[in-house]
Every structure is written in C-alpha cells, then in structure tokens.
Amino acid sequence: MKSALRGKNTLDVEVTNVSKHGFWILAQGRELFLPFAEFPWFADVAIGQLVNVEFLHADHLYWPDLDIDLSLECIAHPENFPLVSCVGPNRRIQPARKRRARG
C-alpha cells in the first residue's frame, strides 16, 4: 500500500546545519555546502539572518535580511564564479594599512 501525498511541500529551502567553516542548505532535494571562505558575506551574520532564506526564482535563493541572492549553480560550483570587484577601498573608511618596519 502506498501512502498518498498529503499536500504541497511548503519547505522549498532550509538551512540544515551551521559550523565555523560554513553552512549547509537543503534546496530542491539537494544538500549544498556554502563555505565562508567562498561566500564571505555570510561569515559574521546572525543565525536568524542566515536561516531567513527563500527562493527568489526557480534557481535563485534570496536572503532578504542580507540582500543577497545566489543561484544554485553558483553555490554548487563557486570555482566557476570568482569573486571580482572593480571598486577600490574607500580610503576615508578603510585607510591603507601601515607597514611594519623589519628589524
């Protein structure tokens, strides 16, 4: 005897585990790991902000509290999407580091 489906699955995406190295999400039946080294935007956020995730589109996740959206492809293969910024640091906010004299 097979059990009948009880209704629509309302759990589309879920953060399943968090460690000091990153976190796991369960999305569309796949469990994916997001290491903080590859996804630094999540490294210092509150757990409540991290677990508040939803599908933005069919293959894009969105963290509304953080204004971050990522495709499942980017999460599964971050090596194909290197972090690149054309913007230099704001020197008023982030001054250049002082160099230590070698002794």
N, C-alpha and C. Protein backbone atom coordinates (compact mmCIF):
# COMPACT_ATOMS: atom_id res chain seq x y z
N MET A 1 0.85 -1.17 0.00
CA MET A 1 0.00 0.00 0.00
C MET A 1 0.90 1.24 0.00
N LYS A 2 0.60 2.18 -0.86
CA LYS A 2 1.35 3.43 -0.92
C LYS A 2 0.58 4.51 -0.20
N SER A 3 1.34 5.34 0.51
CA SER A 3 0.72 6.49 1.17
C SER A 3 0.48 7.58 0.15
N ALA A 4 -0.63 8.24 0.29
CA ALA A 4 -0.97 9.35 -0.61
C ALA A 4 -0.24 10.61 -0.14
N LEU A 5 0.07 11.48 -1.08
CA LEU A 5 0.67 12.74 -0.71
C LEU A 5 -0.35 13.57 0.07
N ARG A 6 0.11 14.22 1.12
CA ARG A 6 -0.80 14.99 1.97
C ARG A 6 -1.01 16.40 1.49
N GLY A 7 -0.22 16.88 0.59
CA GLY A 7 -0.39 18.25 0.12
C GLY A 7 0.90 18.77 -0.46
N LYS A 8 0.89 20.03 -0.78
CA LYS A 8 2.04 20.67 -1.39
C LYS A 8 3.16 20.80 -0.37
N ASN A 9 4.39 20.53 -0.81
CA ASN A 9 5.56 20.72 0.04
C ASN A 9 5.81 22.22 0.16
N THR A 10 5.70 22.76 1.36
CA THR A 10 5.89 24.19 1.56
C THR A 10 7.32 24.54 1.93
N LEU A 11 8.15 23.54 2.16
CA LEU A 11 9.54 23.78 2.53
C LEU A 11 10.39 23.71 1.27
N ASP A 12 10.66 24.86 0.67
CA ASP A 12 11.43 24.91 -0.56
C ASP A 12 12.92 24.92 -0.30
N VAL A 13 13.35 25.65 0.71
CA VAL A 13 14.77 25.75 1.03
C VAL A 13 14.91 25.88 2.54
N GLU A 14 15.97 25.27 3.07
CA GLU A 14 16.17 25.27 4.52
C GLU A 14 17.66 25.22 4.82
N VAL A 15 18.10 26.00 5.79
CA VAL A 15 19.46 25.88 6.31
C VAL A 15 19.41 24.72 7.29
N THR A 16 20.24 23.69 7.03
CA THR A 16 20.16 22.48 7.85
C THR A 16 21.23 22.38 8.91
N ASN A 17 22.37 23.08 8.71
CA ASN A 17 23.45 22.99 9.68
C ASN A 17 24.38 24.18 9.49
N VAL A 18 24.97 24.63 10.59
CA VAL A 18 25.93 25.74 10.55
C VAL A 18 27.15 25.33 11.36
N SER A 19 28.34 25.58 10.82
CA SER A 19 29.58 25.33 11.54
C SER A 19 30.48 26.55 11.43
N LYS A 20 31.64 26.50 12.03
CA LYS A 20 32.56 27.64 11.94
C LYS A 20 33.16 27.76 10.54
N HIS A 21 33.01 26.73 9.71
CA HIS A 21 33.56 26.73 8.36
C HIS A 21 32.56 27.14 7.28
N GLY A 22 31.26 27.06 7.59
CA GLY A 22 30.24 27.38 6.60
C GLY A 22 28.90 26.83 7.03
N PHE A 23 27.99 26.71 6.08
CA PHE A 23 26.67 26.17 6.41
C PHE A 23 26.11 25.36 5.24
N TRP A 24 25.17 24.49 5.56
CA TRP A 24 24.53 23.62 4.58
C TRP A 24 23.11 24.09 4.36
N ILE A 25 22.67 23.99 3.11
CA ILE A 25 21.27 24.26 2.79
C ILE A 25 20.70 23.04 2.07
N LEU A 26 19.42 22.84 2.25
CA LEU A 26 18.69 21.82 1.52
C LEU A 26 17.76 22.56 0.58
N ALA A 27 18.00 22.40 -0.73
CA ALA A 27 17.20 23.10 -1.74
C ALA A 27 16.91 22.16 -2.89
N GLN A 28 15.65 22.04 -3.25
CA GLN A 28 15.22 21.19 -4.36
C GLN A 28 15.77 19.77 -4.23
N GLY A 29 15.77 19.25 -3.02
CA GLY A 29 16.21 17.87 -2.78
C GLY A 29 17.72 17.68 -2.77
N ARG A 30 18.48 18.77 -2.91
CA ARG A 30 19.95 18.67 -2.87
C ARG A 30 20.46 19.38 -1.63
N GLU A 31 21.47 18.79 -1.00
CA GLU A 31 22.12 19.46 0.12
C GLU A 31 23.43 20.06 -0.39
N LEU A 32 23.59 21.36 -0.18
CA LEU A 32 24.75 22.08 -0.67
C LEU A 32 25.46 22.76 0.49
N PHE A 33 26.79 22.81 0.43
CA PHE A 33 27.60 23.45 1.46
C PHE A 33 28.10 24.79 0.95
N LEU A 34 27.97 25.81 1.76
CA LEU A 34 28.47 27.14 1.44
C LEU A 34 29.59 27.48 2.41
N PRO A 35 30.85 27.26 2.02
CA PRO A 35 31.96 27.58 2.92
C PRO A 35 32.12 29.10 3.02
N PHE A 36 32.42 29.58 4.23
CA PHE A 36 32.58 31.01 4.43
C PHE A 36 33.76 31.56 3.63
N ALA A 37 34.74 30.73 3.33
CA ALA A 37 35.87 31.17 2.51
C ALA A 37 35.42 31.54 1.10
N GLU A 38 34.43 30.84 0.58
CA GLU A 38 33.91 31.10 -0.77
C GLU A 38 32.75 32.10 -0.76
N PHE A 39 32.04 32.19 0.35
CA PHE A 39 30.87 33.06 0.48
C PHE A 39 31.03 33.92 1.74
N PRO A 40 31.96 34.88 1.70
CA PRO A 40 32.31 35.64 2.91
C PRO A 40 31.21 36.53 3.45
N TRP A 41 30.19 36.81 2.66
CA TRP A 41 29.09 37.68 3.11
C TRP A 41 28.34 37.08 4.29
N PHE A 42 28.41 35.77 4.45
CA PHE A 42 27.65 35.09 5.50
C PHE A 42 28.46 34.85 6.77
N ALA A 43 29.74 35.15 6.76
CA ALA A 43 30.64 34.75 7.85
C ALA A 43 30.27 35.34 9.20
N ASP A 44 29.86 36.58 9.25
CA ASP A 44 29.63 37.24 10.54
C ASP A 44 28.20 37.71 10.73
N VAL A 45 27.24 36.97 10.20
CA VAL A 45 25.84 37.37 10.34
C VAL A 45 25.17 36.57 11.45
N ALA A 46 24.07 37.08 11.94
CA ALA A 46 23.30 36.39 12.96
C ALA A 46 22.61 35.16 12.36
N ILE A 47 22.41 34.15 13.17
CA ILE A 47 21.76 32.92 12.72
C ILE A 47 20.37 33.22 12.15
N GLY A 48 19.63 34.11 12.78
CA GLY A 48 18.31 34.47 12.28
C GLY A 48 18.34 35.02 10.87
N GLN A 49 19.39 35.79 10.54
CA GLN A 49 19.53 36.32 9.18
C GLN A 49 19.92 35.21 8.21
N LEU A 50 20.74 34.28 8.68
CA LEU A 50 21.22 33.19 7.83
C LEU A 50 20.09 32.23 7.44
N VAL A 51 19.23 31.91 8.39
CA VAL A 51 18.18 30.93 8.12
C VAL A 51 16.97 31.54 7.42
N ASN A 52 16.90 32.86 7.32
CA ASN A 52 15.81 33.50 6.61
C ASN A 52 16.15 33.53 5.12
N VAL A 53 15.89 32.44 4.45
CA VAL A 53 16.21 32.28 3.03
C VAL A 53 14.98 31.79 2.29
N GLU A 54 14.84 32.23 1.04
CA GLU A 54 13.68 31.84 0.23
C GLU A 54 14.10 31.77 -1.23
N PHE A 55 13.27 31.13 -2.03
CA PHE A 55 13.52 31.11 -3.47
C PHE A 55 13.08 32.43 -4.06
N LEU A 56 13.98 33.08 -4.79
CA LEU A 56 13.66 34.31 -5.49
C LEU A 56 13.06 33.97 -6.85
N HIS A 57 13.68 33.02 -7.54
CA HIS A 57 13.22 32.48 -8.82
C HIS A 57 13.41 30.97 -8.74
N ALA A 58 13.24 30.30 -9.83
CA ALA A 58 13.32 28.84 -9.85
C ALA A 58 14.67 28.31 -9.37
N ASP A 59 15.76 29.03 -9.67
CA ASP A 59 17.07 28.52 -9.24
C ASP A 59 17.90 29.57 -8.50
N HIS A 60 17.26 30.60 -7.99
CA HIS A 60 17.95 31.64 -7.23
C HIS A 60 17.42 31.69 -5.80
N LEU A 61 18.35 31.69 -4.84
CA LEU A 61 17.99 31.84 -3.44
C LEU A 61 18.19 33.29 -3.04
N TYR A 62 17.39 33.74 -2.07
CA TYR A 62 17.46 35.13 -1.63
C TYR A 62 17.40 35.19 -0.11
N TRP A 63 18.34 35.94 0.47
CA TRP A 63 18.38 36.22 1.89
C TRP A 63 17.93 37.67 2.07
N PRO A 64 16.64 37.92 2.36
CA PRO A 64 16.11 39.28 2.40
C PRO A 64 16.74 40.16 3.48
N ASP A 65 17.10 39.60 4.62
CA ASP A 65 17.71 40.40 5.68
C ASP A 65 19.11 40.88 5.29
N LEU A 66 19.75 40.17 4.38
CA LEU A 66 21.12 40.49 3.98
C LEU A 66 21.20 41.08 2.58
N ASP A 67 20.08 41.06 1.85
CA ASP A 67 20.01 41.50 0.45
C ASP A 67 21.05 40.77 -0.41
N ILE A 68 21.08 39.45 -0.26
CA ILE A 68 21.99 38.58 -1.01
C ILE A 68 21.16 37.61 -1.82
N ASP A 69 21.47 37.48 -3.11
CA ASP A 69 20.84 36.43 -3.90
C ASP A 69 21.93 35.67 -4.64
N LEU A 70 21.78 34.35 -4.67
CA LEU A 70 22.75 33.45 -5.29
C LEU A 70 22.01 32.38 -6.08
N SER A 71 22.56 32.00 -7.21
CA SER A 71 21.98 30.90 -7.97
C SER A 71 22.46 29.58 -7.38
N LEU A 72 21.69 28.54 -7.58
CA LEU A 72 22.10 27.21 -7.11
C LEU A 72 23.36 26.76 -7.84
N GLU A 73 23.52 27.17 -9.10
CA GLU A 73 24.72 26.83 -9.87
C GLU A 73 25.96 27.47 -9.24
N CYS A 74 25.84 28.71 -8.81
CA CYS A 74 26.95 29.41 -8.15
C CYS A 74 27.32 28.73 -6.84
N ILE A 75 26.34 28.25 -6.12
CA ILE A 75 26.60 27.57 -4.85
C ILE A 75 27.24 26.21 -5.10
N ALA A 76 26.74 25.48 -6.09
CA ALA A 76 27.27 24.14 -6.38
C ALA A 76 28.67 24.20 -6.98
N HIS A 77 28.96 25.24 -7.75
CA HIS A 77 30.26 25.35 -8.44
C HIS A 77 30.84 26.76 -8.29
N PRO A 78 31.25 27.15 -7.07
CA PRO A 78 31.76 28.52 -6.88
C PRO A 78 33.05 28.79 -7.66
N GLU A 79 33.78 27.75 -8.03
CA GLU A 79 35.01 27.95 -8.81
C GLU A 79 34.73 28.55 -10.18
N ASN A 80 33.52 28.41 -10.67
CA ASN A 80 33.14 28.98 -11.97
C ASN A 80 32.70 30.44 -11.87
N PHE A 81 32.59 30.95 -10.64
CA PHE A 81 32.12 32.31 -10.41
C PHE A 81 33.05 33.01 -9.43
N PRO A 82 34.24 33.40 -9.88
CA PRO A 82 35.20 34.02 -8.95
C PRO A 82 34.70 35.37 -8.45
N LEU A 83 35.06 35.68 -7.21
CA LEU A 83 34.71 36.97 -6.62
C LEU A 83 35.64 38.02 -7.19
N VAL A 84 35.08 38.97 -7.92
CA VAL A 84 35.87 40.02 -8.53
C VAL A 84 35.19 41.35 -8.24
N SER A 85 35.97 42.34 -7.84
CA SER A 85 35.44 43.67 -7.61
C SER A 85 36.29 44.68 -8.34
N CYS A 86 35.64 45.59 -9.03
CA CYS A 86 36.34 46.66 -9.74
C CYS A 86 36.43 47.91 -8.88
N VAL A 87 35.82 47.89 -7.73
CA VAL A 87 35.79 49.05 -6.86
C VAL A 87 36.93 48.94 -5.86
N GLY A 88 37.70 50.02 -5.74
CA GLY A 88 38.78 50.06 -4.76
C GLY A 88 38.22 50.42 -3.38
N PRO A 89 39.02 50.25 -2.33
CA PRO A 89 38.54 50.59 -0.99
C PRO A 89 38.34 52.09 -0.84
N ASN A 90 37.38 52.47 -0.04
CA ASN A 90 37.14 53.86 0.28
C ASN A 90 38.16 54.25 1.34
N ARG A 91 39.13 55.08 0.98
CA ARG A 91 40.24 55.42 1.87
C ARG A 91 39.80 56.18 3.11
N ARG A 92 38.66 56.88 3.05
CA ARG A 92 38.17 57.57 4.24
C ARG A 92 37.65 56.58 5.26
N ILE A 93 37.08 55.50 4.79
CA ILE A 93 36.52 54.49 5.68
C ILE A 93 37.55 53.42 6.00
N GLN A 94 38.33 53.03 5.02
CA GLN A 94 39.28 51.92 5.16
C GLN A 94 40.67 52.42 4.73
N PRO A 95 41.36 53.12 5.63
CA PRO A 95 42.67 53.65 5.26
C PRO A 95 43.67 52.53 4.99
N ALA A 96 44.70 52.87 4.24
CA ALA A 96 45.75 51.89 3.94
C ALA A 96 46.42 51.44 5.23
N ARG A 97 46.80 50.18 5.28
CA ARG A 97 47.47 49.64 6.46
C ARG A 97 48.88 50.19 6.55
N LYS A 98 49.31 50.43 7.76
CA LYS A 98 50.68 50.87 7.98
C LYS A 98 51.59 49.66 7.90
N ARG A 99 52.68 49.82 7.25
CA ARG A 99 53.64 48.72 7.13
C ARG A 99 54.57 48.72 8.32
N ARG A 100 54.86 47.52 8.79
CA ARG A 100 55.80 47.36 9.90
C ARG A 100 57.22 47.43 9.38
N ALA A 101 58.06 48.04 10.15
CA ALA A 101 59.48 48.08 9.79
C ALA A 101 60.10 46.74 10.15
N ARG A 102 60.90 46.24 9.26
CA ARG A 102 61.58 44.96 9.53
C ARG A 102 62.81 45.23 10.36
N GLY A 103 63.01 44.42 11.33
CA GLY A 103 64.12 44.66 12.24
C GLY A 103 65.17 43.68 12.11
